[in-house]
Amino acid sequence: MKTMQRLHDLGRGLWRENIIRYLLSGAIIIVMVAILGGHQQARSQTNPHFNGLDLVDKTGNIRKPSDYRDKYQALGTYTVLDPKGDQMHLTYASPGTAEYFRKTGKYPDGTVLVKEVFGTDHARMTTGDAHWASGTKVWFVMIKDTKGRYPGNPLWGDGWGWALFKSDAPDEQVATDYKKDCLGCHIPAKATDWVYVQGYPVLHSK
């Protein structure tokens, strides 16, 4: 009888021990999943390798990203004084671009730059003659291409894909040849990969 009781107690003890081990293993797995999930989420939020090439079809046609104002980072603004009408140029960069550039001095493959060109309004205010952006005129879109993916497409070259969209047809890409339609305005910035980085302070510091 005592032997049977001992076996019974031993069985209960082993059962409890196995249950505890099972629960501890489950808890450890849950904690590890939470840690890895949080780490992966943090990496995804700061991942410099944004795939802007998703905006390009198989022949190299570029579409304008619809969410650039919400999801891209504002790099800086240029004011262009023009007798025909002053302009403000506001440039956005795809997620991770600025952080990557600060570390390497380069743009990661697939970087998207969107320059939105506005007209301006102005008025006398208590702070002086104030000017502000008013009405989008055009959008310029550039996509970094470090691999020369579309050698036969005249809108790809010098390390970038180039595109132009006008306000009266915001989803229609109208440039035909980047050397004729785009590159001329970027020649002074050739030494900085065709981008006027001096106007984009976040590329140099937070």
Protein backbone atom coordinates (compact mmCIF):
# COMPACT_ATOMS: atom_id res chain seq x y z
CA MET A 1 0.00 0.00 0.00
CA LYS A 2 2.81 2.38 0.92
CA THR A 3 4.55 1.49 -2.32
CA MET A 4 1.44 2.36 -4.32
CA GLN A 5 1.14 5.69 -2.48
CA ARG A 6 4.76 6.47 -3.19
CA LEU A 7 4.28 5.70 -6.88
CA HIS A 8 1.17 7.85 -6.90
CA ASP A 9 3.02 10.76 -5.24
CA LEU A 10 5.95 10.33 -7.59
CA GLY A 11 3.62 10.43 -10.59
CA ARG A 12 1.94 13.59 -9.32
CA GLY A 13 5.34 15.18 -8.73
CA LEU A 14 6.53 14.36 -12.23
CA TRP A 15 3.26 15.68 -13.67
CA ARG A 16 3.63 18.95 -11.79
CA GLU A 17 7.26 19.25 -12.86
CA ASN A 18 6.36 18.70 -16.52
CA ILE A 19 3.55 21.25 -16.30
CA ILE A 20 5.91 23.83 -14.79
CA ARG A 21 8.50 23.16 -17.48
CA TYR A 22 5.83 23.47 -20.16
CA LEU A 23 4.56 26.77 -18.77
CA LEU A 24 8.08 28.16 -18.41
CA SER A 25 8.93 27.14 -21.98
CA GLY A 26 5.78 28.81 -23.26
CA ALA A 27 6.54 31.99 -21.32
CA ILE A 28 10.09 32.08 -22.70
CA ILE A 29 8.81 31.62 -26.24
CA ILE A 30 6.28 34.44 -25.82
CA VAL A 31 8.95 36.78 -24.45
CA MET A 32 11.34 35.92 -27.31
CA VAL A 33 8.64 36.47 -29.93
CA ALA A 34 7.80 39.84 -28.38
CA ILE A 35 11.46 40.89 -28.35
CA LEU A 36 12.09 39.75 -31.91
CA GLY A 37 8.85 41.33 -33.09
CA GLY A 38 9.74 44.64 -31.51
CA HIS A 39 13.24 44.47 -32.97
CA GLN A 40 11.88 43.69 -36.43
CA GLN A 41 9.37 46.54 -36.17
CA ALA A 42 12.10 48.95 -35.14
CA ARG A 43 14.24 47.79 -38.07
CA SER A 44 11.35 48.18 -40.50
CA GLN A 45 10.71 51.72 -39.31
CA THR A 46 14.32 52.75 -39.84
CA ASN A 47 15.12 50.52 -42.81
CA PRO A 48 17.08 52.67 -45.27
CA HIS A 49 16.47 50.27 -48.15
CA PHE A 50 13.08 51.66 -49.12
CA ASN A 51 12.01 49.98 -52.36
CA GLY A 52 10.99 52.90 -54.51
CA LEU A 53 11.32 50.65 -57.53
CA ASP A 54 7.80 49.49 -56.71
CA LEU A 55 6.77 52.72 -58.43
CA VAL A 56 8.32 51.54 -61.70
CA ASP A 57 6.83 49.15 -64.22
CA LYS A 58 8.84 46.56 -66.16
CA THR A 59 9.72 49.00 -68.96
CA GLY A 60 10.84 51.79 -66.61
CA ASN A 61 7.74 53.98 -66.51
CA ILE A 62 7.57 55.87 -63.20
CA ARG A 63 4.42 56.80 -61.33
CA LYS A 64 4.19 59.51 -58.70
CA PRO A 65 3.77 58.20 -55.13
CA SER A 66 0.39 59.17 -53.74
CA ASP A 67 1.42 59.18 -50.08
CA TYR A 68 4.62 61.23 -50.17
CA ARG A 69 3.24 64.04 -47.99
CA ASP A 70 2.27 61.61 -45.23
CA LYS A 71 5.05 59.02 -45.35
CA TYR A 72 8.09 60.75 -46.83
CA GLN A 73 10.49 63.09 -45.01
CA ALA A 74 10.66 66.76 -45.97
CA LEU A 75 14.28 67.58 -46.87
CA GLY A 76 14.06 71.35 -47.37
CA THR A 77 12.67 74.22 -49.42
CA TYR A 78 14.08 76.48 -52.09
CA THR A 79 12.57 79.85 -52.96
CA VAL A 80 13.05 80.79 -56.61
CA LEU A 81 12.57 84.45 -57.52
CA ASP A 82 11.17 84.75 -61.01
CA PRO A 83 9.72 87.85 -62.74
CA LYS A 84 7.06 85.56 -64.20
CA GLY A 85 6.07 84.39 -60.73
CA ASP A 86 8.06 83.34 -57.70
CA GLN A 87 8.17 79.67 -56.80
CA MET A 88 8.76 77.49 -53.78
CA HIS A 89 10.32 74.08 -54.28
CA LEU A 90 9.65 71.60 -51.46
CA THR A 91 11.46 68.27 -51.69
CA TYR A 92 10.50 65.03 -49.95
CA ALA A 93 12.58 61.85 -49.61
CA SER A 94 11.44 58.27 -49.12
CA PRO A 95 11.76 56.75 -45.62
CA GLY A 96 15.31 56.14 -44.41
CA THR A 97 16.99 58.31 -47.06
CA ALA A 98 18.29 61.06 -44.77
CA GLU A 99 19.60 58.66 -42.13
CA TYR A 100 21.41 56.58 -44.75
CA PHE A 101 22.86 59.67 -46.42
CA ARG A 102 24.18 61.05 -43.13
CA LYS A 103 26.07 57.79 -42.60
CA THR A 104 27.36 57.18 -46.12
CA GLY A 105 27.07 60.37 -48.15
CA LYS A 106 25.08 58.41 -50.72
CA TYR A 107 21.49 57.55 -51.58
CA PRO A 108 20.45 53.90 -51.23
CA ASP A 109 19.26 52.11 -54.34
CA GLY A 110 15.53 52.74 -54.75
CA THR A 111 15.52 56.15 -53.03
CA VAL A 112 12.64 58.34 -54.19
CA LEU A 113 12.87 62.13 -54.25
CA VAL A 114 9.72 64.15 -54.94
CA LYS A 115 10.08 67.87 -55.60
CA GLU A 116 6.76 69.71 -55.50
CA VAL A 117 6.88 73.12 -57.15
CA PHE A 118 4.42 75.71 -55.85
CA GLY A 119 3.44 79.18 -56.89
CA THR A 120 3.46 81.78 -54.12
CA ASP A 121 1.26 84.37 -52.47
CA HIS A 122 2.41 87.17 -50.17
CA ALA A 123 1.10 89.89 -47.93
CA ARG A 124 2.31 92.44 -45.40
CA MET A 125 2.08 90.99 -41.91
CA THR A 126 3.32 92.04 -38.50
CA THR A 127 6.58 90.17 -39.19
CA GLY A 128 7.09 91.86 -42.57
CA ASP A 129 6.44 90.93 -46.18
CA ALA A 130 5.44 87.26 -45.85
CA HIS A 131 5.46 84.75 -48.73
CA TRP A 132 3.96 81.26 -48.74
CA ALA A 133 3.35 78.34 -51.10
CA SER A 134 0.13 78.49 -53.08
CA GLY A 135 -1.01 75.94 -55.64
CA THR A 136 1.09 73.07 -57.02
CA LYS A 137 2.48 73.65 -60.50
CA VAL A 138 4.50 70.50 -61.19
CA TRP A 139 6.11 67.51 -59.51
CA PHE A 140 9.55 66.16 -60.32
CA VAL A 141 10.26 62.57 -59.26
CA MET A 142 13.69 60.93 -59.15
CA ILE A 143 14.39 57.29 -58.28
CA LYS A 144 17.93 56.19 -57.46
CA ASP A 145 19.21 53.43 -59.73
CA THR A 146 22.67 52.13 -58.87
CA LYS A 147 22.44 49.19 -61.29
CA GLY A 148 21.54 50.78 -64.63
CA ARG A 149 18.32 48.80 -64.90
CA TYR A 150 16.78 50.46 -67.96
CA PRO A 151 19.60 51.24 -70.44
CA GLY A 152 17.19 51.59 -73.36
CA ASN A 153 14.80 53.98 -71.62
CA PRO A 154 15.61 57.69 -72.24
CA LEU A 155 14.22 58.61 -68.80
CA TRP A 156 16.91 56.62 -66.99
CA GLY A 157 20.56 57.54 -66.71
CA ASP A 158 23.30 59.13 -64.62
CA GLY A 159 22.22 56.97 -61.71
CA TRP A 160 18.58 58.02 -61.60
CA GLY A 161 15.17 57.55 -63.12
CA TRP A 162 13.54 60.91 -63.96
CA ALA A 163 9.87 61.90 -64.26
CA LEU A 164 7.71 65.03 -64.54
CA PHE A 165 4.04 65.47 -63.65
CA LYS A 166 1.94 68.59 -64.20
CA SER A 167 -0.91 69.87 -62.05
CA ASP A 168 -3.50 69.61 -64.84
CA ALA A 169 -2.73 65.87 -65.20
CA PRO A 170 -1.08 64.83 -61.92
CA ASP A 171 -0.94 61.12 -62.75
CA GLU A 172 0.48 61.46 -66.25
CA GLN A 173 4.25 61.35 -66.65
CA VAL A 174 5.12 63.83 -69.42
CA ALA A 175 8.91 63.87 -69.66
CA THR A 176 10.31 62.09 -72.73
CA ASP A 177 14.09 62.33 -72.37
CA TYR A 178 15.82 63.13 -69.08
CA LYS A 179 18.77 64.76 -70.83
CA LYS A 180 16.46 67.23 -72.56
CA ASP A 181 13.69 67.63 -69.98
CA CYS A 182 15.47 67.28 -66.63
CA LEU A 183 19.26 67.17 -66.56
CA GLY A 184 19.89 70.76 -67.63
CA CYS A 185 18.59 72.17 -64.35
CA HIS A 186 20.77 69.73 -62.39
CA ILE A 187 24.15 70.35 -64.05
CA PRO A 188 25.39 72.66 -61.24
CA ALA A 189 24.69 69.80 -58.80
CA LYS A 190 26.59 67.13 -60.76
CA ALA A 191 29.27 66.81 -58.06
CA THR A 192 26.62 65.93 -55.47
CA ASP A 193 24.89 63.22 -57.52
CA TRP A 194 22.71 65.75 -59.36
CA VAL A 195 20.93 66.84 -56.16
CA TYR A 196 21.17 70.31 -54.59
CA VAL A 197 22.07 69.02 -51.14
CA GLN A 198 22.97 72.46 -49.76
CA GLY A 199 19.26 73.21 -49.54
CA TYR A 200 18.47 70.06 -47.57
CA PRO A 201 19.81 70.47 -44.03
CA VAL A 202 18.41 67.17 -42.71
CA LEU A 203 20.84 65.30 -44.97
CA HIS A 204 23.67 66.69 -42.88
CA SER A 205 22.33 66.72 -39.32
CA LYS A 206 19.21 65.84 -37.35
